[in-house]
Amino acid sequence: MNLWFWGWLIAAVAIALVSAVMRDRASAPFALGAGVAAAMDAAGLTPSAQWIAFVGVSAAVFIVFNQRRHRRRHDRRGLGRHGERPPLDES
């Protein structure tokens, strides 16, 4: 294993630990991307392919995760009514 493998592996573990400790789910996809890049280095692929995989996997997982979380959070109230208060009962 060369330096790139250990760099990717340390990055994946560090990002995963920080994400778990800080309860920051937005950085978790980058740990997955770094893990995939480490696996690609272990398979003998070039550093440029590893960077492309890191960016591609991280971006795809980040977008899918945040899109699902955003929809779930905002489906209940409808579009454009986030700050609207319920009407007062004037009886």
N, C-alpha and C. Protein backbone atom coordinates (compact mmCIF):
# COMPACT_ATOMS: atom_id res chain seq x y z
N MET A 1 0.84 -1.18 0.00
CA MET A 1 0.00 0.00 0.00
C MET A 1 0.89 1.25 0.00
N ASN A 2 0.52 2.21 -0.77
CA ASN A 2 1.33 3.42 -0.85
C ASN A 2 0.71 4.56 -0.04
N LEU A 3 1.28 5.72 -0.19
CA LEU A 3 0.88 6.88 0.61
C LEU A 3 -0.57 7.29 0.35
N TRP A 4 -1.04 7.19 -0.90
CA TRP A 4 -2.42 7.57 -1.20
C TRP A 4 -3.42 6.72 -0.43
N PHE A 5 -3.15 5.44 -0.33
CA PHE A 5 -4.07 4.56 0.40
C PHE A 5 -4.20 5.01 1.85
N TRP A 6 -3.07 5.23 2.52
CA TRP A 6 -3.12 5.62 3.92
C TRP A 6 -3.74 7.01 4.08
N GLY A 7 -3.48 7.90 3.14
CA GLY A 7 -4.11 9.23 3.19
C GLY A 7 -5.63 9.15 3.09
N TRP A 8 -6.11 8.37 2.13
CA TRP A 8 -7.55 8.20 1.97
C TRP A 8 -8.17 7.51 3.18
N LEU A 9 -7.49 6.51 3.70
CA LEU A 9 -8.02 5.77 4.84
C LEU A 9 -8.09 6.66 6.08
N ILE A 10 -7.04 7.42 6.34
CA ILE A 10 -7.05 8.33 7.49
C ILE A 10 -8.13 9.39 7.31
N ALA A 11 -8.28 9.92 6.11
CA ALA A 11 -9.32 10.91 5.85
C ALA A 11 -10.71 10.32 6.08
N ALA A 12 -10.95 9.10 5.60
CA ALA A 12 -12.26 8.47 5.76
C ALA A 12 -12.59 8.26 7.23
N VAL A 13 -11.62 7.76 8.00
CA VAL A 13 -11.87 7.50 9.42
C VAL A 13 -12.05 8.81 10.17
N ALA A 14 -11.22 9.80 9.88
CA ALA A 14 -11.32 11.09 10.58
C ALA A 14 -12.66 11.77 10.29
N ILE A 15 -13.07 11.79 9.05
CA ILE A 15 -14.35 12.42 8.69
C ILE A 15 -15.51 11.67 9.33
N ALA A 16 -15.44 10.34 9.32
CA ALA A 16 -16.51 9.55 9.93
C ALA A 16 -16.59 9.79 11.44
N LEU A 17 -15.45 9.86 12.09
CA LEU A 17 -15.45 10.12 13.54
C LEU A 17 -15.99 11.51 13.87
N VAL A 18 -15.54 12.50 13.14
CA VAL A 18 -16.03 13.87 13.38
C VAL A 18 -17.53 13.94 13.10
N SER A 19 -17.97 13.29 12.05
CA SER A 19 -19.39 13.29 11.71
C SER A 19 -20.21 12.62 12.81
N ALA A 20 -19.70 11.55 13.39
CA ALA A 20 -20.43 10.85 14.45
C ALA A 20 -20.42 11.64 15.75
N VAL A 21 -19.26 12.19 16.12
CA VAL A 21 -19.16 12.92 17.38
C VAL A 21 -19.96 14.22 17.34
N MET A 22 -19.86 14.94 16.24
CA MET A 22 -20.55 16.23 16.12
C MET A 22 -22.00 16.08 15.66
N ARG A 23 -22.39 14.85 15.36
CA ARG A 23 -23.73 14.56 14.84
C ARG A 23 -24.04 15.40 13.60
N ASP A 24 -23.01 15.52 12.76
CA ASP A 24 -23.10 16.28 11.52
C ASP A 24 -23.25 15.31 10.37
N ARG A 25 -24.46 15.12 9.93
CA ARG A 25 -24.71 14.13 8.88
C ARG A 25 -24.34 14.65 7.49
N ALA A 26 -24.08 15.94 7.36
CA ALA A 26 -23.74 16.48 6.04
C ALA A 26 -22.34 16.08 5.61
N SER A 27 -21.44 15.78 6.55
CA SER A 27 -20.08 15.42 6.15
C SER A 27 -19.89 13.91 5.98
N ALA A 28 -20.86 13.11 6.36
CA ALA A 28 -20.75 11.65 6.25
C ALA A 28 -20.54 11.17 4.81
N PRO A 29 -21.16 11.76 3.80
CA PRO A 29 -20.90 11.29 2.43
C PRO A 29 -19.44 11.41 2.00
N PHE A 30 -18.72 12.37 2.57
CA PHE A 30 -17.32 12.54 2.21
C PHE A 30 -16.46 11.43 2.80
N ALA A 31 -16.87 10.89 3.93
CA ALA A 31 -16.17 9.72 4.49
C ALA A 31 -16.36 8.51 3.57
N LEU A 32 -17.55 8.36 3.06
CA LEU A 32 -17.81 7.26 2.13
C LEU A 32 -16.99 7.43 0.85
N GLY A 33 -16.93 8.65 0.34
CA GLY A 33 -16.13 8.91 -0.86
C GLY A 33 -14.66 8.63 -0.65
N ALA A 34 -14.14 8.99 0.53
CA ALA A 34 -12.74 8.72 0.83
C ALA A 34 -12.49 7.21 0.98
N GLY A 35 -13.45 6.50 1.53
CA GLY A 35 -13.33 5.05 1.64
C GLY A 35 -13.30 4.38 0.27
N VAL A 36 -14.14 4.86 -0.64
CA VAL A 36 -14.14 4.31 -2.01
C VAL A 36 -12.80 4.61 -2.69
N ALA A 37 -12.27 5.82 -2.47
CA ALA A 37 -10.98 6.17 -3.07
C ALA A 37 -9.86 5.30 -2.50
N ALA A 38 -9.92 4.98 -1.21
CA ALA A 38 -8.92 4.09 -0.61
C ALA A 38 -9.00 2.69 -1.22
N ALA A 39 -10.22 2.22 -1.43
CA ALA A 39 -10.39 0.91 -2.05
C ALA A 39 -9.87 0.91 -3.49
N MET A 40 -10.06 2.03 -4.18
CA MET A 40 -9.56 2.12 -5.55
C MET A 40 -8.03 2.12 -5.58
N ASP A 41 -7.40 2.75 -4.58
CA ASP A 41 -5.94 2.72 -4.52
C ASP A 41 -5.45 1.31 -4.22
N ALA A 42 -6.15 0.61 -3.36
CA ALA A 42 -5.79 -0.77 -3.05
C ALA A 42 -5.91 -1.65 -4.29
N ALA A 43 -6.83 -1.29 -5.19
CA ALA A 43 -7.00 -2.04 -6.44
C ALA A 43 -5.97 -1.64 -7.49
N GLY A 44 -5.20 -0.57 -7.21
CA GLY A 44 -4.13 -0.18 -8.12
C GLY A 44 -4.49 0.88 -9.14
N LEU A 45 -5.57 1.58 -8.95
CA LEU A 45 -5.95 2.63 -9.90
C LEU A 45 -5.16 3.91 -9.64
N THR A 46 -5.14 4.80 -10.62
CA THR A 46 -4.34 6.02 -10.54
C THR A 46 -4.96 7.03 -9.57
N PRO A 47 -4.13 7.95 -9.05
CA PRO A 47 -4.66 8.98 -8.15
C PRO A 47 -5.75 9.85 -8.80
N SER A 48 -5.65 10.10 -10.10
CA SER A 48 -6.68 10.91 -10.75
C SER A 48 -8.03 10.19 -10.74
N ALA A 49 -8.02 8.89 -10.95
CA ALA A 49 -9.26 8.11 -10.88
C ALA A 49 -9.81 8.10 -9.45
N GLN A 50 -8.92 8.08 -8.48
CA GLN A 50 -9.34 8.10 -7.08
C GLN A 50 -10.02 9.43 -6.74
N TRP A 51 -9.45 10.54 -7.21
CA TRP A 51 -10.05 11.85 -6.95
C TRP A 51 -11.42 11.97 -7.64
N ILE A 52 -11.51 11.47 -8.85
CA ILE A 52 -12.79 11.51 -9.56
C ILE A 52 -13.84 10.69 -8.81
N ALA A 53 -13.44 9.53 -8.32
CA ALA A 53 -14.38 8.70 -7.55
C ALA A 53 -14.76 9.37 -6.24
N PHE A 54 -13.79 9.98 -5.57
CA PHE A 54 -14.07 10.69 -4.31
C PHE A 54 -15.09 11.79 -4.52
N VAL A 55 -14.86 12.63 -5.51
CA VAL A 55 -15.78 13.74 -5.78
C VAL A 55 -17.14 13.22 -6.25
N GLY A 56 -17.13 12.24 -7.15
CA GLY A 56 -18.39 11.72 -7.69
C GLY A 56 -19.24 11.02 -6.65
N VAL A 57 -18.64 10.13 -5.87
CA VAL A 57 -19.40 9.40 -4.85
C VAL A 57 -19.88 10.35 -3.76
N SER A 58 -18.99 11.24 -3.30
CA SER A 58 -19.37 12.18 -2.25
C SER A 58 -20.51 13.09 -2.70
N ALA A 59 -20.40 13.62 -3.91
CA ALA A 59 -21.44 14.52 -4.40
C ALA A 59 -22.77 13.79 -4.59
N ALA A 60 -22.74 12.61 -5.16
CA ALA A 60 -23.98 11.86 -5.40
C ALA A 60 -24.68 11.51 -4.09
N VAL A 61 -23.92 10.99 -3.13
CA VAL A 61 -24.52 10.62 -1.85
C VAL A 61 -25.00 11.86 -1.10
N PHE A 62 -24.24 12.95 -1.16
CA PHE A 62 -24.64 14.20 -0.50
C PHE A 62 -25.95 14.73 -1.08
N ILE A 63 -26.06 14.74 -2.39
CA ILE A 63 -27.27 15.26 -3.04
C ILE A 63 -28.47 14.38 -2.72
N VAL A 64 -28.33 13.07 -2.82
CA VAL A 64 -29.44 12.16 -2.54
C VAL A 64 -29.87 12.28 -1.08
N PHE A 65 -28.91 12.30 -0.16
CA PHE A 65 -29.23 12.38 1.26
C PHE A 65 -29.94 13.68 1.60
N ASN A 66 -29.43 14.80 1.11
CA ASN A 66 -30.03 16.08 1.44
C ASN A 66 -31.35 16.31 0.73
N GLN A 67 -31.52 15.76 -0.44
CA GLN A 67 -32.79 15.90 -1.14
C GLN A 67 -33.89 15.15 -0.39
N ARG A 68 -33.59 13.95 0.08
CA ARG A 68 -34.58 13.17 0.83
C ARG A 68 -34.90 13.85 2.16
N ARG A 69 -33.88 14.37 2.85
CA ARG A 69 -34.10 15.02 4.13
C ARG A 69 -34.90 16.30 3.96
N HIS A 70 -34.61 17.06 2.92
CA HIS A 70 -35.32 18.32 2.67
C HIS A 70 -36.79 18.05 2.36
N ARG A 71 -37.08 17.09 1.52
CA ARG A 71 -38.47 16.79 1.18
C ARG A 71 -39.27 16.32 2.39
N ARG A 72 -38.67 15.46 3.18
CA ARG A 72 -39.36 14.92 4.34
C ARG A 72 -39.70 16.03 5.33
N ARG A 73 -38.80 16.96 5.50
CA ARG A 73 -38.97 18.01 6.48
C ARG A 73 -40.03 19.03 6.03
N HIS A 74 -40.16 19.27 4.74
CA HIS A 74 -41.02 20.35 4.26
C HIS A 74 -42.31 19.89 3.60
N ASP A 75 -42.54 18.61 3.47
CA ASP A 75 -43.76 18.14 2.84
C ASP A 75 -45.01 18.46 3.66
N ARG A 76 -44.89 18.50 4.96
CA ARG A 76 -46.07 18.67 5.82
C ARG A 76 -46.75 20.02 5.68
N ARG A 77 -46.00 21.08 5.47
CA ARG A 77 -46.58 22.42 5.51
C ARG A 77 -46.92 22.97 4.14
N GLY A 78 -46.42 22.41 3.10
CA GLY A 78 -46.69 22.92 1.78
C GLY A 78 -45.64 23.94 1.36
N LEU A 79 -45.63 24.24 0.10
CA LEU A 79 -44.62 25.13 -0.44
C LEU A 79 -44.90 26.58 -0.07
N GLY A 80 -43.93 27.31 0.40
CA GLY A 80 -44.06 28.73 0.65
C GLY A 80 -44.79 29.11 1.92
N ARG A 81 -45.02 28.18 2.82
CA ARG A 81 -45.76 28.50 4.03
C ARG A 81 -44.93 28.21 5.28
N HIS A 82 -43.62 28.32 5.19
CA HIS A 82 -42.75 27.92 6.28
C HIS A 82 -42.90 28.81 7.50
N GLY A 83 -43.08 30.10 7.32
CA GLY A 83 -43.15 31.01 8.46
C GLY A 83 -44.57 31.42 8.80
N GLU A 84 -45.52 30.85 8.15
CA GLU A 84 -46.91 31.26 8.34
C GLU A 84 -47.48 30.69 9.63
N ARG A 85 -48.13 31.54 10.39
CA ARG A 85 -48.75 31.09 11.64
C ARG A 85 -50.19 30.67 11.37
N PRO A 86 -50.70 29.79 12.20
CA PRO A 86 -52.11 29.40 12.02
C PRO A 86 -53.02 30.58 12.32
N PRO A 87 -54.20 30.64 11.69
CA PRO A 87 -55.11 31.77 11.92
C PRO A 87 -55.61 31.78 13.38
N LEU A 88 -55.80 32.99 13.90
CA LEU A 88 -56.30 33.16 15.26
C LEU A 88 -57.81 32.90 15.30
N ASP A 89 -58.23 32.27 16.34
CA ASP A 89 -59.66 32.00 16.51
C ASP A 89 -60.31 33.25 17.11
N GLU A 90 -61.20 33.91 16.36
CA GLU A 90 -61.81 35.17 16.79
C GLU A 90 -63.21 34.98 17.32
N SER A 91 -63.49 33.89 18.00
CA SER A 91 -64.85 33.69 18.50
C SER A 91 -65.03 34.21 19.89
